[in-house]
Amino acid sequence: MKKAFTLIELLVVIGVLAILLTITLIAINPAHQFAQSNDTKRRSDILAILNAVHQSTAENKGILPAQIPDTTAGALEIKLDAVTPGADLCAVLAPVYVPAFPVDPAVSYDGGTAAQGDPIPSTACAVAYNTGYTIVRDAGGRVTVSADSEVTPGTFLTVTR
């Protein structure tokens, strides 16, 4: 007599494996992990932009780039667009203070040709671009850069220096 597994035994094993896989996927929650990863990149990009702004300010004897709006005008997106106003900082900061200008991971800086999150090369700063980040300075000269959070929609990731 040949020894083999019965059909019922195989189905039970497959069912148990399916339940374990489902539990593992729920525990890992890949969508949440990707959202956390994107927010981490946003925080890193915000810090890179602020560092570049402050390096530029230090080299220009304490004068902030003129493209940064004050709080009376409100925060502006860091972009170059002929239709809506933005803070065009790419040409001011890249490549001297930052090798390539950071872009939000959910944004294609040129509207679709570039992959989402690809940084803007300094050669592309003269054409229309959008970073997905906003910038503003207060009356005391402190600069705030912000981004929308993916983990907690409706809130912002902000850093002020």
N, C-alpha and C. Protein backbone atom coordinates (compact mmCIF):
# COMPACT_ATOMS: atom_id res chain seq x y z
N MET A 1 0.84 -1.16 0.00
CA MET A 1 0.00 0.00 0.00
C MET A 1 0.89 1.23 0.00
N LYS A 2 0.58 2.24 -0.86
CA LYS A 2 1.34 3.47 -0.95
C LYS A 2 0.86 4.43 0.13
N LYS A 3 1.85 5.13 0.73
CA LYS A 3 1.51 6.14 1.72
C LYS A 3 1.43 7.50 1.02
N ALA A 4 0.37 8.27 1.30
CA ALA A 4 0.18 9.59 0.69
C ALA A 4 -0.76 10.40 1.57
N PHE A 5 -0.79 11.69 1.30
CA PHE A 5 -1.72 12.56 2.02
C PHE A 5 -3.07 12.50 1.36
N THR A 6 -4.08 12.58 2.17
CA THR A 6 -5.44 12.61 1.61
C THR A 6 -5.76 14.03 1.18
N LEU A 7 -6.77 14.17 0.38
CA LEU A 7 -7.21 15.47 -0.11
C LEU A 7 -7.62 16.37 1.06
N ILE A 8 -8.26 15.81 2.05
CA ILE A 8 -8.72 16.60 3.20
C ILE A 8 -7.51 17.11 3.99
N GLU A 9 -6.50 16.32 4.17
CA GLU A 9 -5.30 16.77 4.88
C GLU A 9 -4.62 17.93 4.15
N LEU A 10 -4.54 17.82 2.81
CA LEU A 10 -3.94 18.89 2.02
C LEU A 10 -4.76 20.18 2.12
N LEU A 11 -6.08 20.07 2.07
CA LEU A 11 -6.93 21.25 2.17
C LEU A 11 -6.81 21.92 3.55
N VAL A 12 -6.69 21.12 4.59
CA VAL A 12 -6.54 21.68 5.94
C VAL A 12 -5.21 22.44 6.04
N VAL A 13 -4.14 21.86 5.53
CA VAL A 13 -2.83 22.53 5.57
C VAL A 13 -2.87 23.83 4.77
N ILE A 14 -3.47 23.81 3.59
CA ILE A 14 -3.58 25.02 2.76
C ILE A 14 -4.42 26.08 3.50
N GLY A 15 -5.48 25.68 4.15
CA GLY A 15 -6.32 26.62 4.92
C GLY A 15 -5.56 27.25 6.07
N VAL A 16 -4.79 26.43 6.80
CA VAL A 16 -4.01 26.96 7.92
C VAL A 16 -2.95 27.94 7.40
N LEU A 17 -2.28 27.60 6.29
CA LEU A 17 -1.28 28.51 5.71
C LEU A 17 -1.92 29.83 5.26
N ALA A 18 -3.11 29.77 4.68
CA ALA A 18 -3.81 30.98 4.25
C ALA A 18 -4.15 31.87 5.44
N ILE A 19 -4.58 31.27 6.54
CA ILE A 19 -4.90 32.04 7.75
C ILE A 19 -3.63 32.69 8.31
N LEU A 20 -2.52 31.95 8.36
CA LEU A 20 -1.26 32.51 8.86
C LEU A 20 -0.76 33.65 7.96
N LEU A 21 -0.88 33.51 6.65
CA LEU A 21 -0.48 34.55 5.72
C LEU A 21 -1.32 35.81 5.91
N THR A 22 -2.62 35.64 6.10
CA THR A 22 -3.51 36.77 6.32
C THR A 22 -3.16 37.50 7.61
N ILE A 23 -2.90 36.77 8.66
CA ILE A 23 -2.52 37.38 9.94
C ILE A 23 -1.21 38.14 9.79
N THR A 24 -0.26 37.57 9.07
CA THR A 24 1.04 38.23 8.86
C THR A 24 0.87 39.52 8.08
N LEU A 25 0.08 39.50 7.01
CA LEU A 25 -0.13 40.71 6.21
C LEU A 25 -0.84 41.80 7.02
N ILE A 26 -1.78 41.41 7.86
CA ILE A 26 -2.47 42.40 8.69
C ILE A 26 -1.49 43.00 9.70
N ALA A 27 -0.63 42.17 10.27
CA ALA A 27 0.33 42.66 11.27
C ALA A 27 1.36 43.59 10.63
N ILE A 28 1.81 43.26 9.42
CA ILE A 28 2.84 44.07 8.75
C ILE A 28 2.23 45.35 8.18
N ASN A 29 1.05 45.30 7.62
CA ASN A 29 0.35 46.44 7.02
C ASN A 29 1.26 47.21 6.07
N PRO A 30 1.51 46.66 4.88
CA PRO A 30 2.44 47.29 3.96
C PRO A 30 2.06 48.71 3.56
N ALA A 31 0.78 49.02 3.45
CA ALA A 31 0.38 50.38 3.08
C ALA A 31 0.83 51.38 4.13
N HIS A 32 0.67 51.03 5.40
CA HIS A 32 1.10 51.91 6.48
C HIS A 32 2.62 52.05 6.49
N GLN A 33 3.32 50.96 6.22
CA GLN A 33 4.78 51.00 6.18
C GLN A 33 5.27 51.94 5.07
N PHE A 34 4.62 51.88 3.89
CA PHE A 34 4.99 52.77 2.78
C PHE A 34 4.69 54.22 3.14
N ALA A 35 3.56 54.46 3.80
CA ALA A 35 3.21 55.82 4.21
C ALA A 35 4.24 56.36 5.20
N GLN A 36 4.65 55.54 6.15
CA GLN A 36 5.68 55.96 7.11
C GLN A 36 7.00 56.25 6.40
N SER A 37 7.34 55.41 5.43
CA SER A 37 8.56 55.62 4.67
C SER A 37 8.51 56.94 3.91
N ASN A 38 7.38 57.24 3.28
CA ASN A 38 7.23 58.50 2.55
C ASN A 38 7.32 59.69 3.48
N ASP A 39 6.71 59.61 4.67
CA ASP A 39 6.80 60.71 5.62
C ASP A 39 8.23 60.91 6.13
N THR A 40 8.97 59.82 6.27
CA THR A 40 10.37 59.93 6.67
C THR A 40 11.17 60.66 5.59
N LYS A 41 10.89 60.34 4.33
CA LYS A 41 11.57 61.05 3.23
C LYS A 41 11.17 62.52 3.23
N ARG A 42 9.91 62.81 3.50
CA ARG A 42 9.47 64.21 3.55
C ARG A 42 10.24 64.98 4.64
N ARG A 43 10.37 64.37 5.82
CA ARG A 43 11.11 65.03 6.90
C ARG A 43 12.56 65.29 6.49
N SER A 44 13.18 64.31 5.86
CA SER A 44 14.55 64.45 5.39
C SER A 44 14.66 65.57 4.35
N ASP A 45 13.70 65.62 3.42
CA ASP A 45 13.70 66.66 2.39
C ASP A 45 13.52 68.05 3.00
N ILE A 46 12.61 68.16 3.97
CA ILE A 46 12.39 69.44 4.65
C ILE A 46 13.68 69.93 5.28
N LEU A 47 14.38 69.03 5.96
CA LEU A 47 15.65 69.41 6.59
C LEU A 47 16.70 69.79 5.56
N ALA A 48 16.73 69.09 4.43
CA ALA A 48 17.69 69.42 3.37
C ALA A 48 17.41 70.81 2.81
N ILE A 49 16.13 71.14 2.61
CA ILE A 49 15.77 72.46 2.09
C ILE A 49 16.15 73.54 3.11
N LEU A 50 15.82 73.32 4.38
CA LEU A 50 16.17 74.30 5.42
C LEU A 50 17.68 74.47 5.53
N ASN A 51 18.43 73.38 5.48
CA ASN A 51 19.90 73.49 5.53
C ASN A 51 20.43 74.30 4.36
N ALA A 52 19.89 74.07 3.17
CA ALA A 52 20.33 74.82 1.98
C ALA A 52 19.99 76.30 2.13
N VAL A 53 18.79 76.61 2.64
CA VAL A 53 18.40 78.01 2.85
C VAL A 53 19.34 78.68 3.84
N HIS A 54 19.67 78.01 4.91
CA HIS A 54 20.53 78.61 5.92
C HIS A 54 21.99 78.71 5.47
N GLN A 55 22.44 77.78 4.66
CA GLN A 55 23.78 77.90 4.09
C GLN A 55 23.85 79.11 3.17
N SER A 56 22.80 79.28 2.36
CA SER A 56 22.73 80.44 1.47
C SER A 56 22.69 81.73 2.28
N THR A 57 21.91 81.74 3.35
CA THR A 57 21.80 82.92 4.21
C THR A 57 23.14 83.25 4.85
N ALA A 58 23.85 82.24 5.31
CA ALA A 58 25.16 82.45 5.93
C ALA A 58 26.15 83.05 4.94
N GLU A 59 26.13 82.58 3.70
CA GLU A 59 27.06 83.09 2.69
C GLU A 59 26.67 84.48 2.20
N ASN A 60 25.41 84.87 2.39
CA ASN A 60 24.93 86.18 1.95
C ASN A 60 24.75 87.14 3.12
N LYS A 61 25.58 86.98 4.14
CA LYS A 61 25.64 87.88 5.29
C LYS A 61 24.30 88.03 6.01
N GLY A 62 23.60 86.91 6.18
CA GLY A 62 22.37 86.91 6.96
C GLY A 62 21.12 87.28 6.19
N ILE A 63 21.21 87.45 4.89
CA ILE A 63 20.04 87.83 4.08
C ILE A 63 19.42 86.56 3.51
N LEU A 64 18.13 86.34 3.86
CA LEU A 64 17.40 85.18 3.33
C LEU A 64 17.13 85.37 1.85
N PRO A 65 17.00 84.28 1.09
CA PRO A 65 16.62 84.42 -0.31
C PRO A 65 15.30 85.19 -0.44
N ALA A 66 15.25 86.11 -1.37
CA ALA A 66 14.07 86.98 -1.54
C ALA A 66 12.83 86.21 -1.95
N GLN A 67 12.99 85.01 -2.47
CA GLN A 67 11.84 84.22 -2.93
C GLN A 67 11.01 83.66 -1.78
N ILE A 68 11.53 83.68 -0.56
CA ILE A 68 10.79 83.13 0.59
C ILE A 68 9.79 84.18 1.06
N PRO A 69 8.48 83.87 1.02
CA PRO A 69 7.47 84.87 1.41
C PRO A 69 7.42 85.04 2.93
N ASP A 70 6.92 86.20 3.36
CA ASP A 70 6.72 86.38 4.80
C ASP A 70 5.31 85.95 5.17
N THR A 71 5.02 85.93 6.46
CA THR A 71 3.74 85.41 6.92
C THR A 71 2.56 86.25 6.47
N THR A 72 2.78 87.53 6.13
CA THR A 72 1.67 88.36 5.65
C THR A 72 1.17 87.86 4.30
N ALA A 73 2.07 87.34 3.48
CA ALA A 73 1.67 86.79 2.18
C ALA A 73 1.20 85.35 2.30
N GLY A 74 1.57 84.68 3.39
CA GLY A 74 1.23 83.27 3.56
C GLY A 74 2.26 82.37 2.93
N ALA A 75 2.21 81.10 3.29
CA ALA A 75 3.16 80.12 2.76
C ALA A 75 2.91 79.90 1.27
N LEU A 76 3.99 79.72 0.55
CA LEU A 76 3.91 79.43 -0.89
C LEU A 76 4.51 78.06 -1.16
N GLU A 77 3.98 77.41 -2.19
CA GLU A 77 4.60 76.16 -2.63
C GLU A 77 5.95 76.48 -3.25
N ILE A 78 6.89 75.58 -3.06
CA ILE A 78 8.20 75.74 -3.69
C ILE A 78 8.05 75.20 -5.10
N LYS A 79 7.90 76.12 -6.05
CA LYS A 79 7.66 75.71 -7.43
C LYS A 79 7.94 76.86 -8.37
N LEU A 80 8.02 76.56 -9.64
CA LEU A 80 8.12 77.55 -10.70
C LEU A 80 6.97 77.25 -11.65
N ASP A 81 6.04 78.19 -11.73
CA ASP A 81 4.83 77.98 -12.51
C ASP A 81 4.39 79.33 -13.07
N ALA A 82 4.09 79.37 -14.34
CA ALA A 82 3.68 80.63 -14.97
C ALA A 82 2.26 81.02 -14.58
N VAL A 83 1.46 80.08 -14.09
CA VAL A 83 0.05 80.35 -13.81
C VAL A 83 -0.17 80.80 -12.37
N THR A 84 0.34 80.06 -11.40
CA THR A 84 0.14 80.39 -9.99
C THR A 84 1.47 80.73 -9.34
N PRO A 85 1.45 81.66 -8.38
CA PRO A 85 2.72 82.06 -7.75
C PRO A 85 3.32 80.95 -6.90
N GLY A 86 4.62 80.96 -6.83
CA GLY A 86 5.34 80.00 -6.01
C GLY A 86 6.68 80.57 -5.62
N ALA A 87 7.34 79.92 -4.69
CA ALA A 87 8.68 80.33 -4.25
C ALA A 87 9.69 79.57 -5.08
N ASP A 88 10.27 80.22 -6.08
CA ASP A 88 11.23 79.58 -6.97
C ASP A 88 12.61 79.54 -6.31
N LEU A 89 12.86 78.47 -5.56
CA LEU A 89 14.12 78.34 -4.83
C LEU A 89 15.11 77.39 -5.50
N CYS A 90 14.66 76.62 -6.46
CA CYS A 90 15.53 75.62 -7.08
C CYS A 90 16.75 76.29 -7.70
N ALA A 91 16.53 77.32 -8.52
CA ALA A 91 17.65 77.98 -9.19
C ALA A 91 18.56 78.71 -8.21
N VAL A 92 18.01 79.12 -7.06
CA VAL A 92 18.79 79.85 -6.06
C VAL A 92 19.68 78.90 -5.25
N LEU A 93 19.16 77.70 -4.94
CA LEU A 93 19.85 76.80 -4.03
C LEU A 93 20.60 75.65 -4.70
N ALA A 94 20.14 75.21 -5.87
CA ALA A 94 20.79 74.08 -6.53
C ALA A 94 21.71 74.61 -7.62
N PRO A 95 22.83 74.06 -7.84
CA PRO A 95 23.52 72.95 -7.21
C PRO A 95 24.49 73.37 -6.11
N VAL A 96 24.53 74.66 -5.76
CA VAL A 96 25.54 75.13 -4.80
C VAL A 96 25.28 74.59 -3.39
N TYR A 97 24.02 74.69 -2.91
CA TYR A 97 23.72 74.32 -1.53
C TYR A 97 23.06 72.96 -1.39
N VAL A 98 22.50 72.47 -2.45
CA VAL A 98 21.92 71.13 -2.48
C VAL A 98 22.13 70.60 -3.91
N PRO A 99 22.68 69.38 -4.07
CA PRO A 99 23.03 68.91 -5.42
C PRO A 99 21.83 68.78 -6.36
N ALA A 100 20.71 68.31 -5.85
CA ALA A 100 19.48 68.21 -6.63
C ALA A 100 18.35 68.57 -5.67
N PHE A 101 17.39 69.35 -6.13
CA PHE A 101 16.37 69.88 -5.23
C PHE A 101 15.37 68.79 -4.87
N PRO A 102 15.09 68.58 -3.56
CA PRO A 102 14.18 67.51 -3.12
C PRO A 102 12.75 67.71 -3.59
N VAL A 103 12.06 66.60 -3.81
CA VAL A 103 10.67 66.60 -4.26
C VAL A 103 9.89 65.60 -3.41
N ASP A 104 8.66 65.96 -3.06
CA ASP A 104 7.77 65.08 -2.29
C ASP A 104 7.66 63.73 -3.00
N PRO A 105 7.65 62.62 -2.25
CA PRO A 105 7.58 61.29 -2.88
C PRO A 105 6.31 61.04 -3.69
N ALA A 106 5.26 61.81 -3.46
CA ALA A 106 4.01 61.61 -4.20
C ALA A 106 3.88 62.57 -5.38
N VAL A 107 4.92 63.35 -5.66
CA VAL A 107 4.85 64.38 -6.70
C VAL A 107 5.87 64.09 -7.80
N SER A 108 5.44 64.26 -9.05
CA SER A 108 6.35 64.25 -10.18
C SER A 108 6.66 65.71 -10.48
N TYR A 109 7.90 66.13 -10.29
CA TYR A 109 8.21 67.56 -10.34
C TYR A 109 7.87 68.22 -11.66
N ASP A 110 7.86 67.47 -12.75
CA ASP A 110 7.58 68.09 -14.04
C ASP A 110 6.20 67.74 -14.58
N GLY A 111 5.35 67.23 -13.72
CA GLY A 111 3.98 66.95 -14.13
C GLY A 111 3.75 65.58 -14.72
N GLY A 112 4.74 64.70 -14.72
CA GLY A 112 4.49 63.35 -15.18
C GLY A 112 5.62 62.64 -15.87
N THR A 113 6.57 63.35 -16.47
CA THR A 113 7.66 62.67 -17.16
C THR A 113 8.63 62.04 -16.16
N ALA A 114 8.97 62.79 -15.13
CA ALA A 114 9.87 62.27 -14.09
C ALA A 114 9.09 61.36 -13.15
N ALA A 115 9.79 60.41 -12.56
CA ALA A 115 9.15 59.52 -11.59
C ALA A 115 8.82 60.31 -10.33
N GLN A 116 7.78 59.86 -9.63
CA GLN A 116 7.38 60.53 -8.40
C GLN A 116 8.54 60.50 -7.40
N GLY A 117 8.81 61.65 -6.79
CA GLY A 117 9.85 61.73 -5.78
C GLY A 117 11.25 61.93 -6.31
N ASP A 118 11.43 61.87 -7.64
CA ASP A 118 12.76 62.13 -8.19
C ASP A 118 13.16 63.57 -7.91
N PRO A 119 14.39 63.80 -7.44
CA PRO A 119 14.82 65.19 -7.19
C PRO A 119 14.98 65.96 -8.50
N ILE A 120 14.88 67.28 -8.39
CA ILE A 120 15.02 68.13 -9.57
C ILE A 120 16.51 68.36 -9.82
N PRO A 121 17.02 67.94 -10.96
CA PRO A 121 18.42 68.24 -11.25
C PRO A 121 18.58 69.74 -11.47
N SER A 122 19.75 70.29 -11.17
CA SER A 122 19.96 71.73 -11.29
C SER A 122 19.74 72.21 -12.72
N THR A 123 19.89 71.33 -13.70
CA THR A 123 19.68 71.72 -15.10
C THR A 123 18.20 71.93 -15.41
N ALA A 124 17.29 71.43 -14.56
CA ALA A 124 15.86 71.56 -14.81
C ALA A 124 15.21 72.68 -14.00
N CYS A 125 16.01 73.46 -13.29
CA CYS A 125 15.45 74.52 -12.44
C CYS A 125 14.87 75.69 -13.23
N ALA A 126 15.23 75.81 -14.49
CA ALA A 126 14.75 76.94 -15.30
C ALA A 126 13.39 76.68 -15.94
N VAL A 127 12.94 75.44 -15.91
CA VAL A 127 11.63 75.11 -16.49
C VAL A 127 10.62 74.90 -15.37
N ALA A 128 9.35 74.84 -15.69
CA ALA A 128 8.31 74.68 -14.68
C ALA A 128 8.55 73.41 -13.86
N TYR A 129 8.38 73.56 -12.54
CA TYR A 129 8.54 72.43 -11.63
C TYR A 129 7.66 72.65 -10.42
N ASN A 130 7.40 71.58 -9.68
CA ASN A 130 6.66 71.64 -8.42
C ASN A 130 7.27 70.63 -7.47
N THR A 131 7.56 71.05 -6.22
CA THR A 131 8.18 70.14 -5.26
C THR A 131 7.17 69.49 -4.32
N GLY A 132 6.01 70.10 -4.13
CA GLY A 132 5.04 69.59 -3.18
C GLY A 132 5.27 70.09 -1.76
N TYR A 133 6.29 70.92 -1.55
CA TYR A 133 6.59 71.49 -0.24
C TYR A 133 6.23 72.97 -0.21
N THR A 134 5.94 73.50 0.98
CA THR A 134 5.67 74.92 1.12
C THR A 134 6.71 75.56 2.03
N ILE A 135 6.87 76.89 1.89
CA ILE A 135 7.87 77.61 2.68
C ILE A 135 7.32 78.98 3.05
N VAL A 136 7.72 79.47 4.22
CA VAL A 136 7.33 80.80 4.69
C VAL A 136 8.34 81.25 5.74
N ARG A 137 8.47 82.57 5.93
CA ARG A 137 9.32 83.09 7.01
C ARG A 137 8.48 84.00 7.88
N ASP A 138 8.78 84.00 9.17
CA ASP A 138 8.03 84.86 10.09
C ASP A 138 8.75 86.20 10.27
N ALA A 139 8.18 87.08 11.08
CA ALA A 139 8.74 88.42 11.27
C ALA A 139 10.14 88.37 11.88
N GLY A 140 10.44 87.31 12.62
CA GLY A 140 11.75 87.16 13.24
C GLY A 140 12.79 86.55 12.31
N GLY A 141 12.41 86.23 11.09
CA GLY A 141 13.34 85.64 10.13
C GLY A 141 13.45 84.14 10.20
N ARG A 142 12.61 83.51 11.02
CA ARG A 142 12.63 82.04 11.10
C ARG A 142 11.89 81.47 9.89
N VAL A 143 12.45 80.44 9.30
CA VAL A 143 11.90 79.84 8.09
C VAL A 143 11.22 78.53 8.45
N THR A 144 10.02 78.31 7.90
CA THR A 144 9.27 77.08 8.11
C THR A 144 9.03 76.41 6.76
N VAL A 145 9.38 75.14 6.66
CA VAL A 145 9.09 74.33 5.48
C VAL A 145 8.10 73.25 5.91
N SER A 146 7.07 73.02 5.08
CA SER A 146 6.00 72.07 5.43
C SER A 146 5.71 71.11 4.30
N ALA A 147 5.12 69.97 4.68
CA ALA A 147 4.66 68.97 3.72
C ALA A 147 3.43 68.29 4.31
N ASP A 148 2.55 67.81 3.44
CA ASP A 148 1.39 67.04 3.90
C ASP A 148 1.85 65.68 4.37
N SER A 149 1.29 65.23 5.51
CA SER A 149 1.61 63.91 6.04
C SER A 149 0.74 62.86 5.36
N GLU A 150 1.33 61.73 5.05
CA GLU A 150 0.59 60.63 4.46
C GLU A 150 0.06 59.69 5.54
N VAL A 151 0.76 59.61 6.68
CA VAL A 151 0.35 58.73 7.77
C VAL A 151 -0.90 59.28 8.44
N THR A 152 -0.93 60.58 8.69
CA THR A 152 -2.10 61.23 9.30
C THR A 152 -2.58 62.32 8.35
N PRO A 153 -3.42 61.97 7.38
CA PRO A 153 -3.91 62.95 6.40
C PRO A 153 -4.57 64.14 7.09
N GLY A 154 -4.37 65.31 6.50
CA GLY A 154 -4.94 66.53 7.07
C GLY A 154 -4.01 67.23 8.03
N THR A 155 -2.87 66.62 8.34
CA THR A 155 -1.88 67.27 9.20
C THR A 155 -0.63 67.54 8.37
N PHE A 156 0.24 68.38 8.91
CA PHE A 156 1.44 68.76 8.20
C PHE A 156 2.68 68.36 8.97
N LEU A 157 3.72 68.02 8.23
CA LEU A 157 5.04 67.84 8.80
C LEU A 157 5.73 69.19 8.62
N THR A 158 6.14 69.82 9.70
CA THR A 158 6.77 71.13 9.60
C THR A 158 8.04 71.17 10.43
N VAL A 159 9.00 71.93 9.93
CA VAL A 159 10.22 72.21 10.68
C VAL A 159 10.47 73.70 10.54
N THR A 160 10.76 74.34 11.67
CA THR A 160 11.04 75.78 11.69
C THR A 160 12.41 76.00 12.26
N ARG A 161 13.18 76.85 11.61
CA ARG A 161 14.51 77.24 12.11
C ARG A 161 14.67 78.72 11.92
